[in-house]
Amino acid sequence: NATVWNAYLALSAYGWPRVYRRVLEHTRTMPAAERRRINVSIKQAIRVPGQATQILTESHVGRFLQNYVDNEVVGKNPSLVVAFAKTLLERTTYGKVKKVMDNSKKRAKE
């Protein structure tokens, strides 16, 4: 929780409108229906941080965060926003399942 809180403070200093614009830039390549769902979810999480935990349980948010982290473009996405996305991804059900599966793949290779 301390990591999330520190990231929240850092993003607050960076500016939530700027964070939201950076995220919107990434959603432009998505299908329109999914883009609207993500935009509404992100906007709601910024407006009401207490609902962010509930929003993170939605599978489309987990998939978006994974895509955002995987398609990180150096210089395009601020590293602070990418680091926050990675932190949030670790807290989603999607991220936890992916981590377990990645660990099992590593063990199978050994």
N, C-alpha and C. Protein backbone atom coordinates (compact mmCIF):
# COMPACT_ATOMS: atom_id res chain seq x y z
N ASN A 1 0.81 -1.19 0.00
CA ASN A 1 0.00 0.00 0.00
C ASN A 1 0.85 1.26 0.00
N ALA A 2 2.01 1.19 0.64
CA ALA A 2 2.89 2.35 0.67
C ALA A 2 3.39 2.69 -0.73
N THR A 3 3.66 1.66 -1.53
CA THR A 3 4.12 1.88 -2.90
C THR A 3 3.05 2.58 -3.72
N VAL A 4 1.82 2.11 -3.58
CA VAL A 4 0.71 2.73 -4.32
C VAL A 4 0.52 4.16 -3.86
N TRP A 5 0.60 4.39 -2.56
CA TRP A 5 0.42 5.74 -2.04
C TRP A 5 1.51 6.68 -2.55
N ASN A 6 2.76 6.22 -2.55
CA ASN A 6 3.86 7.05 -3.05
C ASN A 6 3.70 7.32 -4.54
N ALA A 7 3.27 6.32 -5.27
CA ALA A 7 3.03 6.51 -6.71
C ALA A 7 1.89 7.50 -6.92
N TYR A 8 0.85 7.40 -6.10
CA TYR A 8 -0.27 8.33 -6.19
C TYR A 8 0.20 9.77 -5.96
N LEU A 9 1.04 9.96 -4.96
CA LEU A 9 1.56 11.30 -4.67
C LEU A 9 2.43 11.81 -5.82
N ALA A 10 3.24 10.92 -6.39
CA ALA A 10 4.09 11.32 -7.51
C ALA A 10 3.25 11.70 -8.72
N LEU A 11 2.22 10.92 -9.00
CA LEU A 11 1.35 11.24 -10.14
C LEU A 11 0.56 12.51 -9.88
N SER A 12 0.21 12.76 -8.64
CA SER A 12 -0.47 14.01 -8.31
C SER A 12 0.43 15.20 -8.61
N ALA A 13 1.70 15.05 -8.29
CA ALA A 13 2.66 16.12 -8.59
C ALA A 13 2.83 16.28 -10.10
N TYR A 14 2.81 15.18 -10.84
CA TYR A 14 2.94 15.21 -12.30
C TYR A 14 1.71 15.88 -12.91
N GLY A 15 0.55 15.65 -12.29
CA GLY A 15 -0.69 16.27 -12.75
C GLY A 15 -1.63 15.26 -13.37
N TRP A 16 -2.80 15.10 -12.77
CA TRP A 16 -3.76 14.10 -13.25
C TRP A 16 -4.25 14.36 -14.67
N PRO A 17 -4.44 15.61 -15.06
CA PRO A 17 -4.83 15.81 -16.47
C PRO A 17 -3.77 15.30 -17.45
N ARG A 18 -2.51 15.49 -17.10
CA ARG A 18 -1.43 14.98 -17.97
C ARG A 18 -1.40 13.46 -17.97
N VAL A 19 -1.60 12.84 -16.81
CA VAL A 19 -1.65 11.38 -16.74
C VAL A 19 -2.78 10.86 -17.61
N TYR A 20 -3.95 11.46 -17.47
CA TYR A 20 -5.12 11.03 -18.24
C TYR A 20 -4.86 11.17 -19.74
N ARG A 21 -4.24 12.27 -20.17
CA ARG A 21 -3.94 12.45 -21.60
C ARG A 21 -2.99 11.38 -22.11
N ARG A 22 -1.98 11.03 -21.30
CA ARG A 22 -1.02 9.99 -21.72
C ARG A 22 -1.73 8.64 -21.88
N VAL A 23 -2.63 8.35 -20.97
CA VAL A 23 -3.37 7.09 -21.06
C VAL A 23 -4.29 7.11 -22.28
N LEU A 24 -4.96 8.23 -22.53
CA LEU A 24 -5.84 8.34 -23.70
C LEU A 24 -5.07 8.16 -25.00
N GLU A 25 -3.84 8.64 -25.05
CA GLU A 25 -3.03 8.44 -26.25
C GLU A 25 -2.86 6.97 -26.56
N HIS A 26 -2.73 6.17 -25.52
CA HIS A 26 -2.53 4.74 -25.71
C HIS A 26 -3.82 4.02 -26.13
N THR A 27 -4.96 4.55 -25.75
CA THR A 27 -6.22 3.86 -26.06
C THR A 27 -6.71 4.14 -27.48
N ARG A 28 -6.09 5.04 -28.19
CA ARG A 28 -6.55 5.39 -29.53
C ARG A 28 -6.53 4.23 -30.51
N THR A 29 -5.67 3.27 -30.28
CA THR A 29 -5.56 2.13 -31.20
C THR A 29 -6.55 1.01 -30.88
N MET A 30 -7.29 1.17 -29.80
CA MET A 30 -8.23 0.13 -29.36
C MET A 30 -9.56 0.27 -30.08
N PRO A 31 -10.34 -0.82 -30.14
CA PRO A 31 -11.70 -0.72 -30.68
C PRO A 31 -12.51 0.29 -29.87
N ALA A 32 -13.46 0.96 -30.53
CA ALA A 32 -14.20 2.06 -29.91
C ALA A 32 -14.91 1.66 -28.62
N ALA A 33 -15.57 0.52 -28.60
CA ALA A 33 -16.33 0.11 -27.41
C ALA A 33 -15.40 -0.13 -26.23
N GLU A 34 -14.29 -0.82 -26.48
CA GLU A 34 -13.34 -1.09 -25.40
C GLU A 34 -12.67 0.20 -24.94
N ARG A 35 -12.38 1.08 -25.89
CA ARG A 35 -11.75 2.37 -25.56
C ARG A 35 -12.65 3.17 -24.62
N ARG A 36 -13.94 3.21 -24.91
CA ARG A 36 -14.86 3.94 -24.04
C ARG A 36 -14.88 3.35 -22.63
N ARG A 37 -14.90 2.02 -22.52
CA ARG A 37 -14.89 1.38 -21.19
C ARG A 37 -13.64 1.73 -20.41
N ILE A 38 -12.50 1.68 -21.08
CA ILE A 38 -11.23 1.99 -20.41
C ILE A 38 -11.20 3.46 -20.01
N ASN A 39 -11.59 4.35 -20.91
CA ASN A 39 -11.57 5.79 -20.60
C ASN A 39 -12.45 6.11 -19.40
N VAL A 40 -13.64 5.53 -19.37
CA VAL A 40 -14.55 5.76 -18.24
C VAL A 40 -13.95 5.21 -16.95
N SER A 41 -13.36 4.02 -17.02
CA SER A 41 -12.76 3.40 -15.82
C SER A 41 -11.60 4.24 -15.29
N ILE A 42 -10.73 4.68 -16.18
CA ILE A 42 -9.58 5.47 -15.76
C ILE A 42 -10.04 6.81 -15.18
N LYS A 43 -10.98 7.46 -15.85
CA LYS A 43 -11.49 8.74 -15.36
C LYS A 43 -12.12 8.58 -13.98
N GLN A 44 -12.88 7.50 -13.79
CA GLN A 44 -13.54 7.26 -12.51
C GLN A 44 -12.50 7.00 -11.41
N ALA A 45 -11.45 6.26 -11.73
CA ALA A 45 -10.40 5.98 -10.75
C ALA A 45 -9.67 7.25 -10.33
N ILE A 46 -9.51 8.17 -11.27
CA ILE A 46 -8.84 9.44 -10.96
C ILE A 46 -9.76 10.33 -10.12
N ARG A 47 -11.03 10.38 -10.50
CA ARG A 47 -11.98 11.24 -9.78
C ARG A 47 -12.28 10.74 -8.37
N VAL A 48 -12.41 9.42 -8.23
CA VAL A 48 -12.77 8.82 -6.93
C VAL A 48 -11.75 7.72 -6.63
N PRO A 49 -10.58 8.09 -6.07
CA PRO A 49 -9.54 7.09 -5.83
C PRO A 49 -9.99 5.91 -4.97
N GLY A 50 -10.98 6.12 -4.12
CA GLY A 50 -11.48 5.01 -3.29
C GLY A 50 -12.12 3.90 -4.11
N GLN A 51 -12.55 4.20 -5.33
CA GLN A 51 -13.15 3.18 -6.19
C GLN A 51 -12.11 2.50 -7.07
N ALA A 52 -10.88 2.93 -7.00
CA ALA A 52 -9.85 2.35 -7.86
C ALA A 52 -9.68 0.85 -7.61
N THR A 53 -9.79 0.43 -6.36
CA THR A 53 -9.65 -1.00 -6.06
C THR A 53 -10.74 -1.80 -6.76
N GLN A 54 -11.95 -1.30 -6.74
CA GLN A 54 -13.05 -1.99 -7.41
C GLN A 54 -12.83 -2.00 -8.92
N ILE A 55 -12.36 -0.90 -9.47
CA ILE A 55 -12.12 -0.81 -10.91
C ILE A 55 -11.02 -1.78 -11.33
N LEU A 56 -10.01 -1.98 -10.48
CA LEU A 56 -8.92 -2.89 -10.81
C LEU A 56 -9.37 -4.34 -10.90
N THR A 57 -10.51 -4.68 -10.32
CA THR A 57 -10.98 -6.06 -10.40
C THR A 57 -11.63 -6.37 -11.75
N GLU A 58 -11.89 -5.35 -12.55
CA GLU A 58 -12.51 -5.56 -13.86
C GLU A 58 -11.45 -6.06 -14.83
N SER A 59 -11.76 -7.14 -15.53
CA SER A 59 -10.77 -7.80 -16.38
C SER A 59 -10.27 -6.91 -17.52
N HIS A 60 -11.14 -6.06 -18.06
CA HIS A 60 -10.69 -5.22 -19.17
C HIS A 60 -9.63 -4.21 -18.72
N VAL A 61 -9.67 -3.82 -17.46
CA VAL A 61 -8.66 -2.89 -16.94
C VAL A 61 -7.32 -3.62 -16.81
N GLY A 62 -7.35 -4.85 -16.32
CA GLY A 62 -6.11 -5.64 -16.21
C GLY A 62 -5.46 -5.86 -17.57
N ARG A 63 -6.27 -6.21 -18.56
CA ARG A 63 -5.73 -6.41 -19.91
C ARG A 63 -5.14 -5.11 -20.46
N PHE A 64 -5.83 -4.00 -20.21
CA PHE A 64 -5.32 -2.71 -20.69
C PHE A 64 -3.98 -2.38 -20.03
N LEU A 65 -3.90 -2.56 -18.71
CA LEU A 65 -2.64 -2.26 -18.01
C LEU A 65 -1.50 -3.12 -18.54
N GLN A 66 -1.79 -4.42 -18.78
CA GLN A 66 -0.75 -5.31 -19.31
C GLN A 66 -0.30 -4.82 -20.69
N ASN A 67 -1.25 -4.45 -21.52
CA ASN A 67 -0.93 -3.95 -22.85
C ASN A 67 -0.13 -2.66 -22.76
N TYR A 68 -0.51 -1.78 -21.84
CA TYR A 68 0.18 -0.50 -21.66
C TYR A 68 1.63 -0.73 -21.25
N VAL A 69 1.84 -1.65 -20.33
CA VAL A 69 3.19 -1.95 -19.84
C VAL A 69 4.01 -2.64 -20.93
N ASP A 70 3.40 -3.60 -21.63
CA ASP A 70 4.13 -4.34 -22.67
C ASP A 70 4.51 -3.47 -23.86
N ASN A 71 3.68 -2.51 -24.19
CA ASN A 71 3.92 -1.66 -25.35
C ASN A 71 4.51 -0.31 -24.97
N GLU A 72 5.23 -0.31 -23.89
CA GLU A 72 5.87 0.91 -23.42
C GLU A 72 6.78 1.47 -24.51
N VAL A 73 6.57 2.71 -24.84
CA VAL A 73 7.38 3.37 -25.86
C VAL A 73 8.30 4.36 -25.13
N VAL A 74 9.58 4.15 -25.24
CA VAL A 74 10.53 5.00 -24.55
C VAL A 74 10.38 6.44 -25.04
N GLY A 75 10.21 7.35 -24.11
CA GLY A 75 10.07 8.75 -24.44
C GLY A 75 8.62 9.17 -24.68
N LYS A 76 7.77 8.23 -25.08
CA LYS A 76 6.36 8.55 -25.35
C LYS A 76 5.54 8.47 -24.06
N ASN A 77 5.66 7.36 -23.36
CA ASN A 77 4.96 7.18 -22.09
C ASN A 77 5.92 7.57 -20.96
N PRO A 78 5.54 8.52 -20.13
CA PRO A 78 6.43 8.89 -19.02
C PRO A 78 6.70 7.68 -18.13
N SER A 79 7.95 7.46 -17.77
CA SER A 79 8.31 6.28 -16.99
C SER A 79 7.55 6.22 -15.67
N LEU A 80 7.19 7.37 -15.13
CA LEU A 80 6.42 7.41 -13.89
C LEU A 80 5.04 6.77 -14.09
N VAL A 81 4.40 7.07 -15.21
CA VAL A 81 3.08 6.50 -15.50
C VAL A 81 3.20 5.00 -15.76
N VAL A 82 4.24 4.58 -16.46
CA VAL A 82 4.45 3.15 -16.73
C VAL A 82 4.73 2.41 -15.42
N ALA A 83 5.54 2.99 -14.55
CA ALA A 83 5.84 2.36 -13.26
C ALA A 83 4.56 2.22 -12.43
N PHE A 84 3.71 3.23 -12.46
CA PHE A 84 2.45 3.16 -11.73
C PHE A 84 1.55 2.09 -12.33
N ALA A 85 1.53 1.99 -13.65
CA ALA A 85 0.73 0.95 -14.31
C ALA A 85 1.22 -0.43 -13.92
N LYS A 86 2.54 -0.61 -13.84
CA LYS A 86 3.10 -1.90 -13.42
C LYS A 86 2.69 -2.23 -11.99
N THR A 87 2.74 -1.23 -11.12
CA THR A 87 2.35 -1.43 -9.72
C THR A 87 0.88 -1.82 -9.63
N LEU A 88 0.04 -1.12 -10.37
CA LEU A 88 -1.40 -1.44 -10.36
C LEU A 88 -1.65 -2.82 -10.93
N LEU A 89 -0.94 -3.16 -12.00
CA LEU A 89 -1.12 -4.47 -12.64
C LEU A 89 -0.83 -5.60 -11.66
N GLU A 90 0.18 -5.44 -10.84
CA GLU A 90 0.51 -6.47 -9.85
C GLU A 90 -0.61 -6.70 -8.86
N ARG A 91 -1.49 -5.71 -8.69
CA ARG A 91 -2.57 -5.80 -7.71
C ARG A 91 -3.88 -6.31 -8.32
N THR A 92 -3.92 -6.45 -9.64
CA THR A 92 -5.14 -6.95 -10.27
C THR A 92 -5.14 -8.47 -10.26
N THR A 93 -6.32 -9.05 -10.36
CA THR A 93 -6.44 -10.50 -10.46
C THR A 93 -5.73 -10.98 -11.71
N TYR A 94 -5.90 -10.25 -12.79
CA TYR A 94 -5.25 -10.58 -14.06
C TYR A 94 -3.73 -10.63 -13.88
N GLY A 95 -3.18 -9.62 -13.22
CA GLY A 95 -1.74 -9.57 -13.00
C GLY A 95 -1.24 -10.68 -12.10
N LYS A 96 -2.02 -11.02 -11.08
CA LYS A 96 -1.62 -12.10 -10.17
C LYS A 96 -1.61 -13.44 -10.89
N VAL A 97 -2.62 -13.69 -11.69
CA VAL A 97 -2.69 -14.95 -12.45
C VAL A 97 -1.54 -15.02 -13.44
N LYS A 98 -1.26 -13.91 -14.12
CA LYS A 98 -0.17 -13.89 -15.09
C LYS A 98 1.16 -14.17 -14.40
N LYS A 99 1.36 -13.61 -13.22
CA LYS A 99 2.60 -13.83 -12.47
C LYS A 99 2.77 -15.30 -12.11
N VAL A 100 1.69 -15.93 -11.65
CA VAL A 100 1.75 -17.36 -11.32
C VAL A 100 2.09 -18.18 -12.55
N MET A 101 1.46 -17.85 -13.67
CA MET A 101 1.72 -18.60 -14.91
C MET A 101 3.15 -18.38 -15.39
N ASP A 102 3.65 -17.16 -15.30
CA ASP A 102 5.03 -16.89 -15.70
C ASP A 102 6.02 -17.65 -14.82
N ASN A 103 5.75 -17.71 -13.52
CA ASN A 103 6.62 -18.45 -12.60
C ASN A 103 6.61 -19.94 -12.92
N SER A 104 5.43 -20.48 -13.26
CA SER A 104 5.36 -21.91 -13.58
C SER A 104 6.09 -22.21 -14.89
N LYS A 105 6.06 -21.27 -15.85
CA LYS A 105 6.81 -21.46 -17.09
C LYS A 105 8.31 -21.48 -16.81
N LYS A 106 8.78 -20.59 -15.92
CA LYS A 106 10.19 -20.54 -15.56
C LYS A 106 10.63 -21.84 -14.91
N ARG A 107 9.78 -22.37 -14.02
CA ARG A 107 10.11 -23.62 -13.34
C ARG A 107 10.15 -24.78 -14.33
N ALA A 108 9.27 -24.77 -15.29
CA ALA A 108 9.22 -25.85 -16.28
C ALA A 108 10.48 -25.85 -17.16
N LYS A 109 11.04 -24.68 -17.40
CA LYS A 109 12.24 -24.59 -18.22
C LYS A 109 13.47 -25.08 -17.47
N GLU A 110 13.43 -25.01 -16.14
CA GLU A 110 14.60 -25.39 -15.34
C GLU A 110 14.73 -26.84 -15.18
